[in-house]
Amino acid sequence: MKIAVDFDGTCVTHEYPNVGKDIGATAALKALAQRGDELILNTMRSGPELEDAVSWFRENGIPLHGVNEDPGQKEWTRSPKVYANLYIDDAALGCPLLMDLSLSQRPFVDWKRVGRLMGL
């Protein structure tokens, strides 16, 4: 399965342009990749801030299939929208969120619930 994953508020707390705090995404993302899912970073970040996000994945040992695109979709579409079977994003309707004021003033993705929903 191709899974598009947002970064700020989804993998880490909202602290753009800096990389936010850990919110528990690493274990779930690694498990998804290990079972064969292809992860695509789908973020509004660009330039050095995008590289910081890509580095976060690399430093946490999480392989990326693509960054802001599914590499294979150019063969069949010119659409700029990232093709994926599933999108995990703190701004997505229905995505389970968690509010922890000790980490952030904004809600972020609840990865324990995401993991259960994904059968991890």
Protein backbone atom coordinates (compact mmCIF):
# COMPACT_ATOMS: atom_id res chain seq x y z
CA MET A 1 0.00 0.00 0.00
CA LYS A 2 1.23 3.51 -0.78
CA ILE A 3 0.84 5.80 2.23
CA ALA A 4 1.31 9.57 1.99
CA VAL A 5 2.42 11.01 5.33
CA ASP A 6 2.42 14.68 6.31
CA PHE A 7 5.25 15.90 8.56
CA ASP A 8 4.42 18.81 10.91
CA GLY A 9 1.74 17.76 13.38
CA THR A 10 1.83 14.25 11.96
CA CYS A 11 5.35 12.89 12.48
CA VAL A 12 6.45 15.58 14.96
CA THR A 13 4.80 18.46 16.83
CA HIS A 14 4.12 21.71 14.99
CA GLU A 15 7.30 23.80 15.28
CA TYR A 16 7.90 24.87 11.68
CA PRO A 17 10.40 25.91 10.44
CA ASN A 18 12.16 23.77 13.05
CA VAL A 19 11.65 20.04 13.39
CA GLY A 20 9.20 19.44 16.22
CA LYS A 21 9.26 17.02 19.13
CA ASP A 22 8.78 13.26 18.95
CA ILE A 23 5.12 12.20 19.10
CA GLY A 24 5.58 8.44 18.67
CA ALA A 25 5.44 8.18 14.89
CA THR A 26 8.75 6.37 14.46
CA ALA A 27 7.72 2.89 15.60
CA ALA A 28 4.50 2.88 13.57
CA LEU A 29 6.18 4.23 10.42
CA LYS A 30 8.98 1.66 10.70
CA ALA A 31 6.42 -1.13 11.15
CA LEU A 32 4.47 0.04 8.09
CA ALA A 33 7.65 0.10 5.99
CA GLN A 34 8.74 -3.31 7.31
CA ARG A 35 5.46 -4.91 6.28
CA GLY A 36 6.01 -3.59 2.75
CA ASP A 37 4.02 -0.35 2.70
CA GLU A 38 5.62 2.44 0.65
CA LEU A 39 5.84 5.72 2.55
CA ILE A 40 5.69 9.02 0.69
CA LEU A 41 6.50 12.23 2.54
CA ASN A 42 3.68 14.63 1.60
CA THR A 43 4.49 18.04 3.06
CA MET A 44 4.31 21.75 2.28
CA ARG A 45 7.95 22.10 3.38
CA SER A 46 10.47 23.12 0.72
CA GLY A 47 14.14 24.01 0.50
CA PRO A 48 16.23 23.52 3.66
CA GLU A 49 13.10 22.85 5.73
CA LEU A 50 12.15 19.98 3.42
CA GLU A 51 15.66 18.55 3.72
CA ASP A 52 15.30 18.71 7.53
CA ALA A 53 12.15 16.57 7.26
CA VAL A 54 13.81 14.08 4.89
CA SER A 55 16.78 13.92 7.29
CA TRP A 56 14.38 13.13 10.16
CA PHE A 57 13.18 10.04 8.27
CA ARG A 58 16.75 9.00 7.41
CA GLU A 59 18.01 9.53 10.99
CA ASN A 60 15.12 7.45 12.32
CA GLY A 61 15.74 4.61 9.87
CA ILE A 62 12.45 5.05 8.03
CA PRO A 63 12.73 4.49 4.27
CA LEU A 64 10.86 6.83 1.94
CA HIS A 65 9.43 5.70 -1.39
CA GLY A 66 9.07 9.32 -2.47
CA VAL A 67 9.12 12.95 -1.38
CA ASN A 68 6.11 15.04 -2.40
CA GLU A 69 5.42 12.61 -5.25
CA ASP A 70 4.92 8.95 -6.03
CA PRO A 71 7.85 8.35 -8.38
CA GLY A 72 5.77 6.10 -10.66
CA GLN A 73 2.79 8.38 -11.13
CA LYS A 74 4.51 10.51 -13.78
CA GLU A 75 4.09 7.55 -16.14
CA TRP A 76 0.30 7.90 -16.13
CA THR A 77 -0.64 11.41 -14.95
CA ARG A 78 0.55 15.00 -14.89
CA SER A 79 -1.41 15.76 -11.73
CA PRO A 80 0.62 17.45 -8.96
CA LYS A 81 -1.40 15.62 -6.27
CA VAL A 82 0.58 12.84 -4.61
CA TYR A 83 -0.95 9.46 -5.49
CA ALA A 84 -1.41 7.19 -2.48
CA ASN A 85 -3.89 4.62 -1.20
CA LEU A 86 -3.99 6.28 2.22
CA TYR A 87 -3.13 9.75 3.58
CA ILE A 88 -2.07 10.29 7.19
CA ASP A 89 -2.28 13.98 8.03
CA ASP A 90 -3.20 15.89 11.19
CA ALA A 91 -5.47 18.06 9.03
CA ALA A 92 -7.36 15.09 7.55
CA LEU A 93 -10.97 14.65 8.60
CA GLY A 94 -11.19 11.64 10.90
CA CYS A 95 -7.46 11.27 11.59
CA PRO A 96 -7.09 10.43 15.29
CA LEU A 97 -5.53 13.35 17.16
CA LEU A 98 -4.04 13.78 20.62
CA MET A 99 -3.67 16.96 22.67
CA ASP A 100 -0.74 16.99 25.09
CA LEU A 101 0.05 20.49 26.35
CA SER A 102 3.38 19.29 27.73
CA LEU A 103 4.51 18.76 24.11
CA SER A 104 2.56 21.25 22.00
CA GLN A 105 -0.15 23.89 22.03
CA ARG A 106 -1.72 22.24 18.96
CA PRO A 107 -3.15 18.74 18.53
CA PHE A 108 -1.10 16.15 16.65
CA VAL A 109 -1.59 12.63 15.27
CA ASP A 110 -2.22 9.91 17.86
CA TRP A 111 0.09 7.20 16.53
CA LYS A 112 -1.08 4.54 19.00
CA ARG A 113 -4.58 4.80 17.55
CA VAL A 114 -3.25 4.97 13.99
CA GLY A 115 -1.24 1.81 14.66
CA ARG A 116 -4.33 -0.02 15.89
CA LEU A 117 -6.32 1.16 12.86
CA MET A 118 -3.54 -0.11 10.57
CA GLY A 119 -3.33 -3.49 12.29
CA LEU A 120 0.10 -2.95 13.81
